[in-house]
N, C-alpha and C. Protein backbone atom coordinates (compact mmCIF):
# COMPACT_ATOMS: atom_id res chain seq x y z
N UNK A 1 0.74 -1.36 -0.17
CA UNK A 1 -0.10 0.06 -0.08
C UNK A 1 0.74 1.31 -0.12
N UNK A 2 1.91 1.40 0.94
CA UNK A 2 2.64 2.64 0.69
C UNK A 2 3.58 2.84 -0.45
N UNK A 3 3.41 1.79 -1.20
CA UNK A 3 4.26 2.00 -2.60
C UNK A 3 3.17 2.66 -3.48
N UNK A 4 2.06 2.31 -3.69
CA UNK A 4 1.32 2.69 -4.63
C UNK A 4 0.95 3.99 -4.05
N UNK A 5 0.83 4.22 -2.80
CA UNK A 5 0.75 5.72 -2.32
C UNK A 5 1.74 6.61 -2.21
N UNK A 6 2.97 5.95 -2.20
CA UNK A 6 4.12 7.16 -2.01
C UNK A 6 5.35 6.76 -2.90
N UNK A 7 5.17 5.27 -3.66
CA UNK A 7 6.54 5.41 -4.30
C UNK A 7 7.35 4.08 -3.90
N UNK A 8 8.21 3.71 -4.58
CA UNK A 8 9.15 2.28 -4.77
C UNK A 8 9.67 2.60 -3.10
N UNK A 9 10.55 3.52 -3.31
CA UNK A 9 11.29 3.85 -1.98
C UNK A 9 10.72 4.05 -0.60
N UNK A 10 9.21 4.11 -0.52
CA UNK A 10 8.57 3.97 0.66
C UNK A 10 7.88 2.94 1.03
N UNK A 11 8.05 1.99 0.14
CA UNK A 11 7.41 1.11 -0.22
C UNK A 11 8.93 -0.05 0.42
N UNK A 12 9.87 -0.10 -0.03
CA UNK A 12 10.92 -0.53 0.57
C UNK A 12 11.46 0.03 2.26
N UNK A 13 11.03 0.78 2.55
CA UNK A 13 11.34 1.33 3.67
C UNK A 13 9.75 0.87 4.59
N UNK A 14 9.02 0.46 4.44
CA UNK A 14 7.85 0.07 5.07
C UNK A 14 8.41 -1.74 5.09
N UNK A 15 8.80 -2.28 4.02
CA UNK A 15 9.37 -3.70 4.37
C UNK A 15 10.40 -3.55 5.69
N UNK A 16 11.45 -2.99 5.07
CA UNK A 16 12.36 -2.78 5.85
C UNK A 16 12.12 -2.88 7.16
N UNK A 17 11.04 -2.25 7.86
CA UNK A 17 10.14 -1.45 9.36
C UNK A 17 9.57 -2.93 9.82
N UNK A 18 9.07 -3.43 8.63
CA UNK A 18 8.18 -4.43 9.39
C UNK A 18 9.15 -5.59 9.53
N UNK A 19 9.84 -5.78 8.66
CA UNK A 19 10.97 -6.91 8.80
C UNK A 19 11.59 -6.90 10.40
N UNK A 20 12.13 -5.20 10.52
CA UNK A 20 12.79 -5.46 11.66
C UNK A 20 12.09 -5.52 13.13
N UNK A 21 10.81 -5.48 12.60
CA UNK A 21 9.72 -5.11 14.23
C UNK A 21 9.83 -7.12 14.48
N UNK A 22 9.34 -8.40 13.60
CA UNK A 22 9.15 -9.55 13.30
C UNK A 22 10.78 -9.83 14.21
N UNK A 23 11.67 -9.31 13.36
CA UNK A 23 12.88 -9.79 13.81
C UNK A 23 12.98 -9.66 15.64
N UNK A 24 12.67 -8.34 15.63
CA UNK A 24 12.77 -8.17 17.14
C UNK A 24 12.13 -8.59 17.85
N UNK A 25 11.02 -8.98 17.67
CA UNK A 25 9.33 -10.04 18.12
C UNK A 25 10.60 -11.20 18.38
N UNK A 26 10.72 -11.89 17.14
CA UNK A 26 11.45 -13.17 17.21
C UNK A 26 12.63 -13.17 18.47
N UNK A 27 13.37 -12.22 18.42
CA UNK A 27 14.25 -12.25 19.50
C UNK A 27 13.80 -12.35 20.64
N UNK A 28 12.75 -11.58 21.09
CA UNK A 28 12.57 -11.00 22.32
C UNK A 28 11.33 -12.76 23.18
N UNK A 29 10.79 -13.28 21.97
CA UNK A 29 10.04 -14.84 22.20
C UNK A 29 10.86 -15.91 22.51
N UNK A 30 12.07 -15.60 21.88
CA UNK A 30 13.41 -16.75 21.71
C UNK A 30 13.65 -16.26 23.23
N UNK A 31 14.28 -15.43 23.64
CA UNK A 31 14.90 -14.88 25.10
C UNK A 31 13.61 -15.72 26.38
N UNK A 32 12.81 -14.86 26.02
CA UNK A 32 11.47 -15.88 26.79
C UNK A 32 11.47 -17.28 26.72
N UNK A 33 11.55 -17.69 25.78
CA UNK A 33 11.01 -19.43 25.72
C UNK A 33 12.42 -20.19 26.45
N UNK A 34 13.65 -19.27 26.11
CA UNK A 34 14.85 -20.22 26.79
C UNK A 34 15.05 -19.86 28.13
N UNK A 35 14.41 -18.72 28.36
CA UNK A 35 14.54 -18.14 30.21
C UNK A 35 13.37 -19.37 31.07
N UNK A 36 12.34 -19.54 30.12
CA UNK A 36 11.13 -20.37 30.72
C UNK A 36 11.83 -21.69 31.45
N UNK A 37 12.33 -22.19 29.91
CA UNK A 37 12.91 -23.61 29.33
C UNK A 37 14.33 -23.76 30.88
N UNK A 38 14.79 -22.75 30.83
CA UNK A 38 15.89 -22.91 32.01
C UNK A 38 15.39 -22.96 33.41
N UNK A 39 14.16 -22.37 33.89
CA UNK A 39 13.55 -22.67 35.06
C UNK A 39 12.93 -23.69 34.89
N UNK A 40 12.41 -24.00 34.39
CA UNK A 40 12.05 -25.84 34.41
C UNK A 40 12.35 -26.71 34.48
N UNK A 41 14.03 -26.36 33.44
CA UNK A 41 15.08 -27.30 33.73
C UNK A 41 15.50 -27.63 35.59
N UNK A 42 15.83 -26.42 35.59
CA UNK A 42 16.24 -26.35 36.59
C UNK A 42 15.28 -26.36 38.23
N UNK A 43 14.30 -26.16 37.75
CA UNK A 43 13.30 -26.86 38.90
C UNK A 43 13.11 -28.58 39.11
N UNK A 44 13.74 -29.40 37.92
CA UNK A 44 13.72 -30.84 37.89
C UNK A 44 15.07 -31.04 38.42
N UNK A 45 15.89 -30.41 38.91
CA UNK A 45 17.09 -30.67 39.58
C UNK A 45 18.44 -30.85 38.19
N UNK A 46 17.92 -30.09 36.95
CA UNK A 46 18.78 -30.56 36.19
C UNK A 46 19.53 -28.78 35.48
N UNK A 47 20.98 -28.49 35.75
CA UNK A 47 21.53 -27.52 35.57
C UNK A 47 21.26 -27.38 34.35
N UNK A 48 20.45 -26.17 33.81
CA UNK A 48 20.73 -25.89 32.66
C UNK A 48 21.06 -24.16 32.74
N UNK A 49 22.12 -23.39 32.39
CA UNK A 49 21.35 -21.93 32.12
C UNK A 49 21.23 -21.48 30.67
N UNK A 50 20.89 -20.16 31.43
CA UNK A 50 19.98 -19.46 29.65
C UNK A 50 20.41 -19.37 28.71
N UNK A 51 21.74 -19.34 28.53
CA UNK A 51 22.71 -19.33 27.25
C UNK A 51 22.47 -20.86 26.61
N UNK A 52 22.81 -21.86 27.52
CA UNK A 52 22.59 -23.11 26.69
C UNK A 52 21.27 -23.51 26.09
N UNK A 53 20.59 -23.04 27.15
CA UNK A 53 18.91 -23.39 26.56
C UNK A 53 18.32 -22.44 25.63
N UNK A 54 19.17 -21.70 25.33
CA UNK A 54 18.63 -20.67 24.11
C UNK A 54 19.51 -21.63 22.85
N UNK A 55 20.46 -21.90 23.09
CA UNK A 55 21.13 -22.49 21.75
C UNK A 55 20.56 -23.68 21.58
N UNK A 56 19.83 -24.45 22.62
CA UNK A 56 18.89 -25.68 22.56
C UNK A 56 17.75 -24.89 21.32
N UNK A 57 16.82 -23.95 21.79
CA UNK A 57 15.44 -23.39 21.41
C UNK A 57 16.16 -22.98 20.13
N UNK A 58 16.97 -22.45 19.83
CA UNK A 58 17.46 -22.35 18.53
C UNK A 58 17.01 -23.35 17.53
N UNK A 59 18.09 -24.03 18.13
CA UNK A 59 18.32 -25.56 17.06
C UNK A 59 17.17 -26.23 16.76
N UNK A 60 16.24 -26.82 17.98
CA UNK A 60 14.63 -27.17 17.66
C UNK A 60 14.06 -25.85 16.54
N UNK A 61 14.24 -24.47 16.84
CA UNK A 61 12.62 -24.32 16.08
C UNK A 61 13.63 -23.92 14.57
N UNK A 62 15.00 -24.08 14.58
CA UNK A 62 15.83 -23.91 13.20
C UNK A 62 14.81 -24.35 11.69
N UNK A 63 14.91 -26.37 11.80
CA UNK A 63 14.40 -26.35 11.06
C UNK A 63 12.79 -26.29 10.69
N UNK A 64 12.10 -25.28 11.49
CA UNK A 64 10.77 -24.90 11.46
C UNK A 64 10.79 -23.70 10.70
N UNK A 65 11.75 -22.83 10.67
CA UNK A 65 12.15 -21.47 10.44
C UNK A 65 12.49 -21.68 8.97
N UNK A 66 13.00 -22.39 8.68
CA UNK A 66 13.31 -22.40 6.99
C UNK A 66 12.56 -23.54 6.03
N UNK A 67 11.32 -23.57 6.85
CA UNK A 67 10.26 -24.56 5.81
C UNK A 67 9.41 -22.98 5.46
N UNK A 68 9.09 -22.67 4.34
CA UNK A 68 8.14 -21.94 3.44
C UNK A 68 7.03 -21.55 4.52
N UNK A 69 6.25 -20.60 4.27
CA UNK A 69 4.46 -20.68 4.67
C UNK A 69 3.88 -21.50 4.16
N UNK A 70 2.41 -22.24 4.99
CA UNK A 70 2.00 -23.13 4.65
C UNK A 70 1.02 -22.59 3.29
N UNK A 71 1.21 -21.20 2.52
CA UNK A 71 0.93 -20.47 1.12
C UNK A 71 1.77 -21.19 0.21
N UNK A 72 2.88 -21.55 0.60
CA UNK A 72 3.50 -22.28 -0.42
C UNK A 72 3.22 -23.70 -0.90
N UNK A 73 2.87 -24.67 -0.26
CA UNK A 73 2.33 -25.94 -0.24
C UNK A 73 1.68 -26.31 -1.16
N UNK A 74 0.71 -25.29 -1.54
CA UNK A 74 -0.79 -25.95 -2.28
C UNK A 74 -0.62 -25.05 -3.60
């Protein structure tokens, strides 16, 4: 919509802002998942730091991130 109203440059700028927002939200949710997982594992007596669980969360989510959206399957 921005590209149609204000030109190609504004369309690229809007896409950049959208990508930046999605990246920031993903980073925050990854940190939140790692923190929660480390606290759960520590509650069960398994010593896990947030850094190690962040790597584990990244490795677990990586294959799903590499898939395209469901729109491209049909």
